[in-house]
Every structure is written in C-alpha cells, then in structure tokens.
Amino acid sequence: MMKFQGGTTSGVIGAALAAMALLPASPLAAAQFNNAFRAPNLNIGPRIDISPNVRISPNVTYQDPGGGQPQSKRISRDKAPSKDSASGKNPRRSGQTAADDTYVPKEVIIEIDGNPGEDQVAALARRFRLTRVQSQNLPTLDSTFYRWRIADDRSVDDVVRALNASGSVRSAQRNSIFRLQETPAASGQAPMQQYALAALRLPQAHTLSTGADVRVAVIDSGIDAGHPEIAGSIESSFDALGSEEGAHAHGTGVAGIITAHQRLTGAAPAARLIAIRAFGAQKSGAQSTTFVVLKSLDYAIAHGAQIINMSFAGPQDSAIARGLGIADAKGIVLVAAAGNAGPKSPPLYPGADPHVIAVTATDSADNLFAQANRGGYVAIAAPGVDIPGALPDGKYGVSSGTSLSAAFVSGVAALMLARNPAMSPADVRAALIGGARDLGPAGRDDQFGAGEADAFAAVSSVAGPIETASGKPGTP
C-alpha cells in the first residue's frame, strides 16, 4: 500500500480518501545496469522532517498482493509474471478479459463535427440504441464529444465498429481508462533530503532561470492550492470532473515538485500553474478517462499553457492523440510519465505518443527505478525514487514513480522557456536530450533514454531572446 507520513492521526482518514491510484510493478526483467556516473557531493537542500509514526494508505485494488515497495537496486531475472504487464493489475476472474481493465465497460465515446443539434443527436441515439450520459463541445478539436451508455448485451467494440462504419459520426471509440504513475515509498522514512537538486544541477540552473511566469498545466488529481509549497503559484484552475472532492496527494505532490518554494525547492519555483483536476477517487483509486482528459487538454490549450504535464498512463487512444497533435502544433511542450508497469509492459500513453517527452525514473545512485517501463519511446530520465513532496493539508511525504520524474522535467522545460519563450517543443526536446548525462549502456538506450536530465546544461544551451526593431522578442 502507498504510505505517506506526516500530520496527525485525525488527518489520516481524510488524507486516505485523497490518496492516489497507481500502476504497480510487473515482475522484474533480466537486466543489470551499471552506474556510469555518480552524482557529485553537492548541496542537496534542506532536510524535511517526516513523522515515522503516521501512514496514509489509499484504498487501492491494483496493488501487488505482496505489498511490493519501490525498488531501484540492480535487478536480476525474476519469476514469470503473475499480473497483466500492461496494466500492472492482477489477472481478472474467469470470463473477463484483460482489456476490460483499460476502458470503461458499456460506454462508447462518439465525436461529431462542430456543434450538432439535438434532433441529430437524438436520432443517432435511437438508431444505435444508446443512452446519452454526457457531452462536451471542444473548440480546439472543432467537434463535440459524447459519452454513450450501451443498455443491452452488445460489446463496446461491436458498437464502435457499427458507429464508425455508419458514416454518421466523425469517430467512435472506447472510453479509455488512465491511471496515475506514483508508487508507495518504504515505511519508516525519517528526515528526507532533496537529492534531486544535485542530480539535476538545479541550484546552478536557478542562477540562470527560475521559470518565471511560464504557464505549466498539470492534468492530475486535485491540488492543495493553499499548501505552503504551492501557495501563490496557481494562475487558474479547472475541475474537468465537476466534482466536489478535496485536494489529493498525487496532484499536490506533482505540483509541488514543479513550483515548491518554501521548505522544499521546486524545479521551476517561479512558474505559474494551471491546475486541472482530471483524476477522481474511485473504489479502486484515482483514475480518469478519455472524455475527461480531452476536456482537460482543451482547457489547457485554451488558457495558454506553454507546457502540459501528464503524470499518468494508459492505453493508446486516438482521440487523445489528436488532441496532443493539436497542442504540439500550437507550440506546447508535452511531458508525460513513461509508466510504472515494469519491463515487460507494452508502451503506455500518452508517454509513447511521438509528440510527448516520456520520462523515466532514477534513484539517488542513478539506478533505474525497477518498476519503470522500458522502450524506444523513453526520452530521458529524472529522479523519481524516494522523492520528498507536498501532501494535502500542509503535510509532507515521500513517494516514488515516473509521475514525479515527469514533473521534474516539466519544471526544467519551464526554466528554458522562461529564458527564451520562442523555443518550440522540438527545441526543448533537443536541449534536454543534448544536455543529458548518459546512464546505462553508452548512448541512447531503452532504459534511460538519452540519460539523466541536466537542468544546468539544458538551460545554459538556451540563448536568451533578442529585441527586434519592433521592440518584440525575437530569436537570436
């Protein structure tokens, strides 16, 4: 179970309701990774005391039955998988398929061009024997999306095929499920230190940029806007769920990694956050869907996000891929967790989308987080094991996962954009990869990507904008 420490016993029950969902690790693959570099003995920031006597554990059913803790030590061949490697969850009961875990049962998502009239929508519902659940016009995609319920015994895929073959809709698909990418830390943690500061060379990078006024959209669970590490950093917020849930540990922690400015130091402490709640509490833990993520992307694009952080993962999704392509075309830097489903997992999305910078996790000794996904889509690594961070109600805790690594890289991207807002997503990617510190096998590999992000090298490579004859910033 996920264990956070800090606060009082009376706060545990409330915090547990806000705790995050996760994709637990698949069994470990056969591989050993050499330490190509040990981080120098630099200032790693203040020590944050965490009470070892209080634990906050979510009601999570996707957990390894053995309660496996995050591992980052070098690994050797383990036994054959006992869980679905793509989703990281236990095999389903007889008669159910693994695919059931990746989408909402008995629901389809339908896209219609523009803003159709009620008569057209009602006729479509009658023709395909569907019940409308929810709809949303998304201007950035120039279409309206609908959630429909299948009331009879037809399968989701059968209905999707029939809709797409009819020519009556722009697209139809499953309503995919996405999950947050953070895992529990070992219990009994006491004073913590921010080793990530030295690993990423953030103190040096902050002499050049602190990410001032760069807008970073965080599509996640609820964020505690009043936490001392986050207070004053949120420019706007949007609840894509329309819920009344309180702040959640995952969203609060991710936001703090980007902009912490009190007892902790964030990657971009002067950045501005667009806080988007897209992940809500379920009996199985916090999760989101295609429909909600699309609404979130639409809001982020419409409200001027320069970077979108997506610390979640799930199946490939064509509608979300279109949204990401539009964001990229508008010059928005897209960063996502590579995934925590282990070495045997297929690629997870949105990290594996070609427009997205997929980030994996390392520990304080530069070892790969054992639960991290591997693959050609992994672009870069950043610290993600035993990371101290903010929790709701002013508390602090420690956790692990590629979620956290993605947040660090989003912060580093903000440092670069503050220095030169004219940088394109391709420019940001190139600067990150070009400045990365190689880990694992020489050169790019499927475990660490280009290597560990180096904030100072990346920011140093960015020339500041020059003023043109018009008085507006231009590119040197």
Protein backbone atom coordinates (compact mmCIF):
# COMPACT_ATOMS: atom_id res chain seq x y z
CA MET A 1 0.00 0.00 0.00
CA MET A 2 1.05 3.58 -0.54
CA LYS A 3 2.44 5.03 2.68
CA PHE A 4 2.85 8.72 3.34
CA GLN A 5 3.97 10.09 6.64
CA GLY A 6 3.29 13.35 8.37
CA GLY A 7 0.48 15.11 10.22
CA THR A 8 -1.76 13.80 12.99
CA THR A 9 -3.77 10.60 13.41
CA SER A 10 -7.03 12.51 12.93
CA GLY A 11 -5.82 13.63 9.50
CA VAL A 12 -5.09 10.13 8.23
CA ILE A 13 -8.68 9.15 7.41
CA GLY A 14 -9.30 12.30 5.36
CA ALA A 15 -5.97 12.03 3.58
CA ALA A 16 -6.58 8.39 2.76
CA LEU A 17 -9.68 9.36 0.81
CA ALA A 18 -7.49 11.66 -1.30
CA ALA A 19 -4.63 9.22 -1.88
CA MET A 20 -3.61 8.29 -5.34
CA ALA A 21 -4.11 5.39 -7.73
CA LEU A 22 -1.11 3.67 -9.22
CA LEU A 23 0.10 1.05 -11.61
CA PRO A 24 2.12 -1.43 -9.58
CA ALA A 25 5.21 -3.05 -10.94
CA SER A 26 5.29 -6.08 -13.12
CA PRO A 27 7.82 -8.74 -12.08
CA LEU A 28 11.35 -7.63 -12.77
CA ALA A 29 13.06 -8.43 -16.05
CA ALA A 30 16.51 -9.84 -16.59
CA ALA A 31 18.91 -6.92 -16.77
CA GLN A 32 21.67 -5.24 -14.86
CA PHE A 33 22.55 -1.65 -15.29
CA ASN A 34 25.99 -0.25 -14.50
CA ASN A 35 26.40 3.08 -12.79
CA ALA A 36 28.10 5.17 -15.43
CA PHE A 37 28.20 8.21 -13.18
CA ARG A 38 27.76 9.00 -9.52
CA ALA A 39 26.26 12.37 -8.66
CA PRO A 40 28.78 14.77 -7.11
CA ASN A 41 28.62 15.63 -3.45
CA LEU A 42 26.73 18.89 -3.92
CA ASN A 43 24.31 20.74 -1.72
CA ILE A 44 21.11 18.70 -1.80
CA GLY A 45 18.86 21.10 0.01
CA PRO A 46 17.24 21.29 3.41
CA ARG A 47 16.17 18.31 5.47
CA ILE A 48 12.41 17.96 5.86
CA ASP A 49 11.32 16.04 8.93
CA ILE A 50 8.67 13.39 8.33
CA SER A 51 6.97 11.70 11.24
CA PRO A 52 7.67 7.95 11.07
CA ASN A 53 4.53 7.15 13.05
CA VAL A 54 1.79 8.20 10.66
CA ARG A 55 0.93 6.42 7.42
CA ILE A 56 -1.68 7.31 4.85
CA SER A 57 -2.77 4.42 2.64
CA PRO A 58 -5.31 4.61 -0.18
CA ASN A 59 -7.97 2.03 -0.87
CA VAL A 60 -6.17 0.61 -3.89
CA THR A 61 -7.04 -2.69 -5.52
CA TYR A 62 -4.36 -2.53 -8.21
CA GLN A 63 -1.65 -3.20 -5.64
CA ASP A 64 0.79 -6.09 -5.71
CA PRO A 65 -0.64 -8.63 -3.19
CA GLY A 66 2.78 -8.75 -1.60
CA GLY A 67 2.69 -5.00 -0.97
CA GLY A 68 5.85 -4.61 -3.03
CA GLN A 69 7.81 -1.46 -2.28
CA PRO A 70 9.55 0.68 -4.88
CA GLN A 71 12.85 -0.84 -5.93
CA SER A 72 15.76 0.76 -7.69
CA LYS A 73 18.56 -1.65 -6.95
CA ARG A 74 20.19 -3.57 -9.74
CA ILE A 75 17.96 -6.39 -10.77
CA SER A 76 18.19 -9.97 -11.96
CA ARG A 77 15.77 -12.39 -13.60
CA ASP A 78 12.60 -12.95 -11.62
CA LYS A 79 9.80 -15.48 -11.97
CA ALA A 80 7.24 -15.29 -14.75
CA PRO A 81 4.65 -12.52 -14.48
CA SER A 82 1.59 -13.13 -12.32
CA LYS A 83 -0.07 -9.88 -13.37
CA ASP A 84 -1.09 -8.26 -16.59
CA SER A 85 2.09 -6.44 -17.60
CA ALA A 86 0.38 -3.68 -19.50
CA SER A 87 -1.94 -2.58 -16.73
CA GLY A 88 0.07 -3.83 -13.75
CA LYS A 89 -3.00 -5.41 -12.17
CA ASN A 90 -3.86 -8.91 -11.07
CA PRO A 91 -5.43 -11.30 -13.60
CA ARG A 92 -9.17 -10.89 -13.82
CA ARG A 93 -11.66 -13.56 -12.86
CA SER A 94 -12.61 -16.25 -15.34
CA GLY A 95 -14.82 -14.93 -18.10
CA GLN A 96 -13.26 -11.46 -18.11
CA THR A 97 -10.52 -10.21 -20.39
CA ALA A 98 -7.51 -8.11 -19.56
CA ALA A 99 -8.80 -5.47 -21.98
CA ASP A 100 -11.68 -4.78 -19.58
CA ASP A 101 -9.19 -3.03 -17.33
CA THR A 102 -8.23 -0.48 -19.97
CA TYR A 103 -11.63 1.05 -20.76
CA VAL A 104 -15.00 1.82 -19.21
CA PRO A 105 -17.41 -1.10 -19.68
CA LYS A 106 -20.63 -0.49 -21.63
CA GLU A 107 -19.60 3.01 -22.73
CA VAL A 108 -18.53 4.48 -26.06
CA ILE A 109 -17.14 7.87 -26.97
CA ILE A 110 -18.62 9.44 -30.11
CA GLU A 111 -17.26 12.52 -31.87
CA ILE A 112 -19.43 14.64 -34.16
CA ASP A 113 -18.15 17.60 -36.18
CA GLY A 114 -18.98 21.05 -34.89
CA ASN A 115 -21.90 21.53 -32.51
CA PRO A 116 -24.74 19.27 -33.72
CA GLY A 117 -28.40 19.93 -32.96
CA GLU A 118 -30.47 17.91 -30.53
CA ASP A 119 -32.55 16.30 -33.28
CA GLN A 120 -29.42 14.87 -34.92
CA VAL A 121 -28.14 13.56 -31.61
CA ALA A 122 -31.48 12.03 -30.61
CA ALA A 123 -31.79 10.28 -33.98
CA LEU A 124 -28.32 8.83 -33.55
CA ALA A 125 -29.20 7.55 -30.09
CA ARG A 126 -32.33 5.81 -31.38
CA ARG A 127 -30.59 4.30 -34.39
CA PHE A 128 -27.82 2.71 -32.33
CA ARG A 129 -29.87 2.07 -29.16
CA LEU A 130 -27.65 4.21 -26.93
CA THR A 131 -28.30 6.43 -23.91
CA ARG A 132 -26.50 9.76 -23.69
CA VAL A 133 -24.54 10.24 -20.47
CA GLN A 134 -22.58 13.42 -21.08
CA SER A 135 -21.44 15.72 -23.88
CA GLN A 136 -18.86 18.45 -24.33
CA ASN A 137 -18.05 20.73 -27.24
CA LEU A 138 -14.27 21.05 -27.58
CA PRO A 139 -13.36 24.10 -29.69
CA THR A 140 -9.71 23.10 -30.06
CA LEU A 141 -10.80 19.91 -31.86
CA ASP A 142 -13.73 21.64 -33.61
CA SER A 143 -16.11 18.89 -32.57
CA THR A 144 -18.43 17.68 -29.83
CA PHE A 145 -17.71 14.52 -27.83
CA TYR A 146 -20.41 12.35 -26.29
CA ARG A 147 -20.37 9.59 -23.71
CA TRP A 148 -22.99 6.99 -24.50
CA ARG A 149 -24.20 4.03 -22.46
CA ILE A 150 -24.88 0.64 -24.07
CA ALA A 151 -28.01 -0.68 -22.39
CA ASP A 152 -28.08 -4.16 -23.94
CA ASP A 153 -25.65 -7.08 -24.34
CA ARG A 154 -23.69 -5.70 -27.30
CA SER A 155 -19.98 -5.36 -26.72
CA VAL A 156 -18.25 -1.98 -26.74
CA ASP A 157 -16.13 -2.96 -29.73
CA ASP A 158 -19.16 -4.13 -31.73
CA VAL A 159 -20.91 -0.81 -31.18
CA VAL A 160 -17.75 1.14 -32.02
CA ARG A 161 -17.38 -0.75 -35.29
CA ALA A 162 -21.01 -0.17 -36.22
CA LEU A 163 -20.79 3.56 -35.50
CA ASN A 164 -17.57 4.04 -37.46
CA ALA A 165 -18.96 2.06 -40.42
CA SER A 166 -22.16 4.12 -40.49
CA GLY A 167 -20.60 7.38 -41.62
CA SER A 168 -22.83 9.19 -39.13
CA VAL A 169 -20.03 10.26 -36.79
CA ARG A 170 -16.54 11.66 -37.12
CA SER A 171 -15.18 8.93 -34.85
CA ALA A 172 -16.22 6.39 -32.24
CA GLN A 173 -14.02 4.58 -29.75
CA ARG A 174 -13.70 3.09 -26.28
CA ASN A 175 -13.66 5.40 -23.26
CA SER A 176 -10.12 4.53 -22.17
CA ILE A 177 -9.01 4.49 -18.53
CA PHE A 178 -5.83 6.24 -17.38
CA ARG A 179 -4.09 5.89 -14.02
CA LEU A 180 -1.64 7.99 -12.06
CA GLN A 181 2.00 6.85 -12.06
CA GLU A 182 3.21 7.01 -8.48
CA THR A 183 4.01 4.15 -6.11
CA PRO A 184 4.40 3.81 -2.34
CA ALA A 185 7.62 4.58 -0.57
CA ALA A 186 9.13 2.32 2.07
CA SER A 187 7.81 2.92 5.57
CA GLY A 188 9.79 4.39 8.41
CA GLN A 189 11.26 7.28 6.45
CA ALA A 190 12.59 9.95 8.78
CA PRO A 191 14.45 13.14 7.78
CA MET A 192 14.50 13.49 3.99
CA GLN A 193 16.78 15.32 1.63
CA GLN A 194 16.23 16.53 -1.92
CA TYR A 195 18.94 14.60 -3.71
CA ALA A 196 17.23 15.54 -6.99
CA LEU A 197 18.57 19.09 -6.71
CA ALA A 198 22.16 17.91 -7.10
CA ALA A 199 21.31 15.14 -9.57
CA LEU A 200 19.66 17.64 -11.93
CA ARG A 201 22.05 20.51 -11.12
CA LEU A 202 19.04 22.67 -10.30
CA PRO A 203 20.81 25.14 -7.97
CA GLN A 204 23.15 26.07 -10.82
CA ALA A 205 20.27 26.24 -13.32
CA HIS A 206 18.35 28.55 -10.98
CA THR A 207 21.12 31.13 -11.27
CA LEU A 208 20.04 31.44 -14.91
CA SER A 209 16.28 30.91 -14.68
CA THR A 210 13.56 30.09 -12.16
CA GLY A 211 10.82 29.60 -14.74
CA ALA A 212 9.24 32.98 -14.08
CA ASP A 213 5.70 33.28 -15.43
CA VAL A 214 5.85 30.17 -17.64
CA ARG A 215 2.42 28.53 -17.58
CA VAL A 216 2.53 24.81 -16.78
CA ALA A 217 -0.76 22.90 -16.95
CA VAL A 218 -0.91 19.98 -14.54
CA ILE A 219 -3.54 17.42 -15.59
CA ASP A 220 -3.83 15.36 -12.45
CA SER A 221 -5.87 14.86 -9.31
CA GLY A 222 -6.84 17.75 -7.03
CA ILE A 223 -4.11 20.15 -5.91
CA ASP A 224 -3.95 21.78 -2.48
CA ALA A 225 -3.66 25.40 -3.59
CA GLY A 226 -3.09 26.54 -0.02
CA HIS A 227 -0.10 24.32 0.69
CA PRO A 228 2.92 26.48 1.61
CA GLU A 229 4.94 24.97 -1.26
CA ILE A 230 2.24 25.79 -3.82
CA ALA A 231 0.50 28.89 -2.46
CA GLY A 232 0.62 31.78 -4.91
CA SER A 233 1.70 29.60 -7.83
CA ILE A 234 -1.69 28.70 -9.31
CA GLU A 235 -2.83 31.03 -12.08
CA SER A 236 -6.08 29.26 -12.89
CA SER A 237 -7.85 26.00 -12.11
CA PHE A 238 -10.44 23.78 -13.74
CA ASP A 239 -12.32 20.76 -12.44
CA ALA A 240 -12.89 18.60 -15.50
CA LEU A 241 -14.77 16.14 -13.31
CA GLY A 242 -17.26 18.68 -11.96
CA SER A 243 -16.70 17.09 -8.57
CA GLU A 244 -16.59 18.33 -5.00
CA GLU A 245 -13.59 16.28 -3.99
CA GLY A 246 -10.86 17.84 -1.91
CA ALA A 247 -7.16 18.02 -2.66
CA HIS A 248 -5.40 14.76 -3.48
CA ALA A 249 -1.91 13.54 -2.62
CA HIS A 250 -0.79 12.85 -6.18
CA GLY A 251 -1.77 16.16 -7.74
CA THR A 252 -0.47 18.10 -4.75
CA GLY A 253 2.86 16.26 -4.88
CA VAL A 254 3.34 16.76 -8.61
CA ALA A 255 2.50 20.47 -8.38
CA GLY A 256 4.97 20.85 -5.52
CA ILE A 257 7.80 19.22 -7.46
CA ILE A 258 7.36 21.88 -10.14
CA THR A 259 6.88 25.02 -8.02
CA ALA A 260 7.84 24.31 -4.37
CA HIS A 261 9.25 27.45 -2.79
CA GLN A 262 9.09 27.13 0.97
CA ARG A 263 10.81 24.26 2.81
CA LEU A 264 11.42 22.44 -0.48
CA THR A 265 12.79 23.74 -3.78
CA GLY A 266 10.83 23.03 -6.93
CA ALA A 267 12.29 22.58 -10.39
CA ALA A 268 10.74 25.89 -11.52
CA PRO A 269 9.73 27.75 -8.35
CA ALA A 270 8.57 30.88 -10.21
CA ALA A 271 6.41 29.07 -12.80
CA ARG A 272 2.65 29.55 -12.93
CA LEU A 273 0.39 26.51 -12.67
CA ILE A 274 -2.84 25.77 -14.48
CA ALA A 275 -4.34 23.24 -12.08
CA ILE A 276 -6.67 20.79 -13.83
CA ARG A 277 -8.45 18.11 -11.83
CA ALA A 278 -8.96 15.17 -14.20
CA PHE A 279 -8.47 12.23 -11.82
CA GLY A 280 -11.11 11.42 -9.25
CA ALA A 281 -11.41 8.93 -6.44
CA GLN A 282 -12.88 5.54 -7.32
CA LYS A 283 -13.19 2.42 -5.19
CA SER A 284 -10.08 1.20 -6.98
CA GLY A 285 -8.24 4.52 -6.63
CA ALA A 286 -7.96 7.76 -8.60
CA GLN A 287 -8.37 7.39 -12.35
CA SER A 288 -9.56 9.27 -15.41
CA THR A 289 -10.97 8.58 -18.85
CA THR A 290 -10.66 9.66 -22.46
CA PHE A 291 -13.62 12.02 -22.12
CA VAL A 292 -12.19 13.83 -19.08
CA VAL A 293 -8.62 14.02 -20.40
CA LEU A 294 -9.91 15.55 -23.65
CA LYS A 295 -11.76 18.24 -21.68
CA SER A 296 -8.55 18.87 -19.73
CA LEU A 297 -6.40 19.21 -22.84
CA ASP A 298 -8.95 21.59 -24.35
CA TYR A 299 -8.84 23.80 -21.24
CA ALA A 300 -5.04 23.79 -21.08
CA ILE A 301 -4.71 24.80 -24.73
CA ALA A 302 -7.40 27.49 -24.48
CA HIS A 303 -5.82 29.01 -21.38
CA GLY A 304 -2.37 29.49 -22.76
CA ALA A 305 -0.44 26.56 -21.33
CA GLN A 306 3.15 26.50 -22.56
CA ILE A 307 3.84 23.09 -21.01
CA ILE A 308 1.40 20.30 -20.15
CA ASN A 309 2.48 17.80 -17.50
CA MET A 310 0.74 14.40 -17.70
CA SER A 311 1.87 12.16 -14.86
CA PHE A 312 -0.44 9.32 -15.85
CA ALA A 313 -0.54 6.40 -18.27
CA GLY A 314 -2.94 4.12 -20.06
CA PRO A 315 -3.72 2.61 -23.46
CA GLN A 316 -3.21 4.19 -26.85
CA ASP A 317 -6.15 6.46 -27.60
CA SER A 318 -6.85 8.02 -31.00
CA ALA A 319 -8.89 10.99 -29.75
CA ILE A 320 -6.27 11.97 -27.20
CA ALA A 321 -3.56 11.53 -29.83
CA ARG A 322 -5.37 14.11 -31.99
CA GLY A 323 -5.55 16.49 -29.04
CA LEU A 324 -1.84 16.08 -28.36
CA GLY A 325 -1.04 16.73 -32.02
CA ILE A 326 -3.01 19.96 -31.91
CA ALA A 327 -1.23 21.04 -28.72
CA ASP A 328 2.16 20.31 -30.26
CA ALA A 329 1.26 22.26 -33.39
CA LYS A 330 0.42 25.24 -31.17
CA GLY A 331 3.91 25.10 -29.67
CA ILE A 332 3.00 23.50 -26.34
CA VAL A 333 5.65 21.26 -24.75
CA LEU A 334 4.12 17.91 -23.72
CA VAL A 335 5.68 15.86 -20.92
CA ALA A 336 4.41 12.54 -19.52
CA ALA A 337 5.37 9.68 -17.26
CA ALA A 338 6.89 6.71 -19.09
CA GLY A 339 4.86 4.39 -16.85
CA ASN A 340 5.30 2.16 -13.81
CA ALA A 341 4.16 -1.15 -15.33
CA GLY A 342 7.60 -2.74 -15.46
CA PRO A 343 9.99 -4.01 -18.12
CA LYS A 344 7.51 -6.42 -19.75
CA SER A 345 4.83 -3.80 -20.32
CA PRO A 346 3.99 -2.60 -23.81
CA PRO A 347 4.30 1.16 -24.37
CA LEU A 348 1.92 3.28 -22.32
CA TYR A 349 0.30 6.53 -23.38
CA PRO A 350 0.40 9.49 -23.59
CA GLY A 351 4.12 8.98 -22.92
CA ALA A 352 4.58 6.85 -26.04
CA ASP A 353 2.93 9.45 -28.29
CA PRO A 354 5.55 10.90 -30.68
CA HIS A 355 4.67 14.46 -29.63
CA VAL A 356 5.35 13.74 -25.97
CA ILE A 357 8.59 13.69 -23.95
CA ALA A 358 8.38 10.42 -21.96
CA VAL A 359 10.29 10.48 -18.68
CA THR A 360 11.55 7.52 -16.67
CA ALA A 361 12.75 7.46 -13.06
CA THR A 362 16.10 7.01 -11.33
CA ASP A 363 17.17 6.85 -7.70
CA SER A 364 19.85 8.72 -5.75
CA ALA A 365 22.55 6.34 -7.08
CA ASP A 366 21.45 6.74 -10.72
CA ASN A 367 19.93 3.25 -10.83
CA LEU A 368 16.78 2.79 -12.89
CA PHE A 369 13.51 2.58 -10.98
CA ALA A 370 12.80 -1.15 -11.30
CA GLN A 371 9.08 -0.65 -11.89
CA ALA A 372 9.62 1.73 -14.80
CA ASN A 373 8.55 0.88 -18.32
CA ARG A 374 11.25 0.38 -20.92
CA GLY A 375 11.16 1.04 -24.64
CA GLY A 376 12.16 3.16 -27.56
CA TYR A 377 9.73 5.89 -26.56
CA VAL A 378 11.59 6.69 -23.33
CA ALA A 379 13.24 10.06 -24.00
CA ILE A 380 15.02 10.97 -20.77
CA ALA A 381 15.36 10.15 -17.08
CA ALA A 382 14.99 12.20 -13.90
CA PRO A 383 14.91 11.44 -10.16
CA GLY A 384 11.76 9.61 -9.15
CA VAL A 385 12.58 7.34 -6.19
CA ASP A 386 12.03 8.42 -2.57
CA ILE A 387 11.15 11.97 -3.53
CA PRO A 388 10.01 14.27 -0.71
CA GLY A 389 6.97 16.31 -1.58
CA ALA A 390 3.87 18.18 -0.57
CA LEU A 391 0.70 16.47 0.66
CA PRO A 392 -2.73 18.00 1.28
CA ASP A 393 -3.35 19.99 4.46
CA GLY A 394 0.19 21.30 4.65
CA LYS A 395 1.76 17.90 5.16
CA TYR A 396 4.83 16.33 3.57
CA GLY A 397 5.59 12.79 2.44
CA VAL A 398 7.89 10.70 0.31
CA SER A 399 6.93 8.70 -2.77
CA SER A 400 8.29 7.21 -5.98
CA GLY A 401 7.36 6.81 -9.62
CA THR A 402 7.73 8.12 -13.13
CA SER A 403 4.98 10.64 -12.28
CA LEU A 404 7.48 12.55 -10.20
CA SER A 405 10.23 12.34 -12.81
CA ALA A 406 7.89 13.84 -15.40
CA ALA A 407 7.17 16.76 -13.08
CA PHE A 408 10.90 17.49 -12.71
CA VAL A 409 11.33 17.57 -16.49
CA SER A 410 8.29 19.81 -16.91
CA GLY A 411 9.96 22.18 -14.46
CA VAL A 412 13.25 22.09 -16.37
CA ALA A 413 11.34 22.85 -19.57
CA ALA A 414 9.84 25.88 -17.81
CA LEU A 415 13.33 27.11 -16.95
CA MET A 416 14.23 27.03 -20.64
CA LEU A 417 11.03 28.71 -21.83
CA ALA A 418 11.45 31.50 -19.30
CA ARG A 419 14.86 32.15 -20.79
CA ASN A 420 13.57 32.04 -24.36
CA PRO A 421 9.78 31.78 -24.87
CA ALA A 422 10.31 31.36 -28.62
CA MET A 423 11.57 27.79 -28.20
CA SER A 424 9.50 25.17 -29.98
CA PRO A 425 8.66 21.76 -28.47
CA ALA A 426 11.34 20.27 -30.73
CA ASP A 427 13.86 22.83 -29.44
CA VAL A 428 13.05 21.93 -25.83
CA ARG A 429 13.37 18.21 -26.53
CA ALA A 430 16.69 18.71 -28.31
CA ALA A 431 18.10 20.81 -25.46
CA LEU A 432 17.07 18.23 -22.86
CA ILE A 433 18.49 15.30 -24.81
CA GLY A 434 21.61 17.16 -25.85
CA GLY A 435 22.44 18.10 -22.27
CA ALA A 436 21.54 14.75 -20.69
CA ARG A 437 24.12 12.82 -18.66
CA ASP A 438 24.48 9.35 -20.18
CA LEU A 439 23.45 6.41 -17.99
CA GLY A 440 23.40 2.68 -18.66
CA PRO A 441 24.80 1.42 -21.98
CA ALA A 442 26.72 4.05 -23.92
CA GLY A 443 24.42 6.29 -25.92
CA ARG A 444 20.66 6.22 -26.06
CA ASP A 445 19.00 3.10 -24.64
CA ASP A 446 15.53 1.82 -23.84
CA GLN A 447 16.01 2.07 -20.08
CA PHE A 448 17.24 5.65 -19.53
CA GLY A 449 16.58 7.19 -22.93
CA ALA A 450 19.24 9.84 -23.52
CA GLY A 451 20.21 9.70 -19.83
CA GLU A 452 19.61 11.81 -16.74
CA ALA A 453 18.31 15.32 -17.37
CA ASP A 454 20.82 18.06 -16.56
CA ALA A 455 18.93 21.28 -15.89
CA PHE A 456 22.04 23.46 -15.89
CA ALA A 457 23.31 22.08 -19.20
CA ALA A 458 19.88 22.38 -20.80
CA VAL A 459 19.27 25.95 -19.62
CA SER A 460 22.83 27.01 -20.45
CA SER A 461 22.30 25.87 -24.03
CA VAL A 462 19.38 28.25 -24.43
CA ALA A 463 20.24 31.71 -25.71
CA GLY A 464 18.00 34.44 -24.37
CA PRO A 465 15.72 36.26 -26.82
CA ILE A 466 16.89 39.40 -28.50
CA GLU A 467 14.82 42.51 -29.11
CA THR A 468 13.85 43.16 -32.72
CA ALA A 469 13.33 46.54 -34.39
CA SER A 470 9.64 46.30 -33.49
CA GLY A 471 10.53 46.04 -29.81
CA LYS A 472 9.19 42.48 -29.63
CA PRO A 473 11.31 39.50 -28.62
CA GLY A 474 12.82 37.55 -31.45
CA THR A 475 15.09 34.57 -31.91
CA PRO A 476 18.85 35.19 -31.85
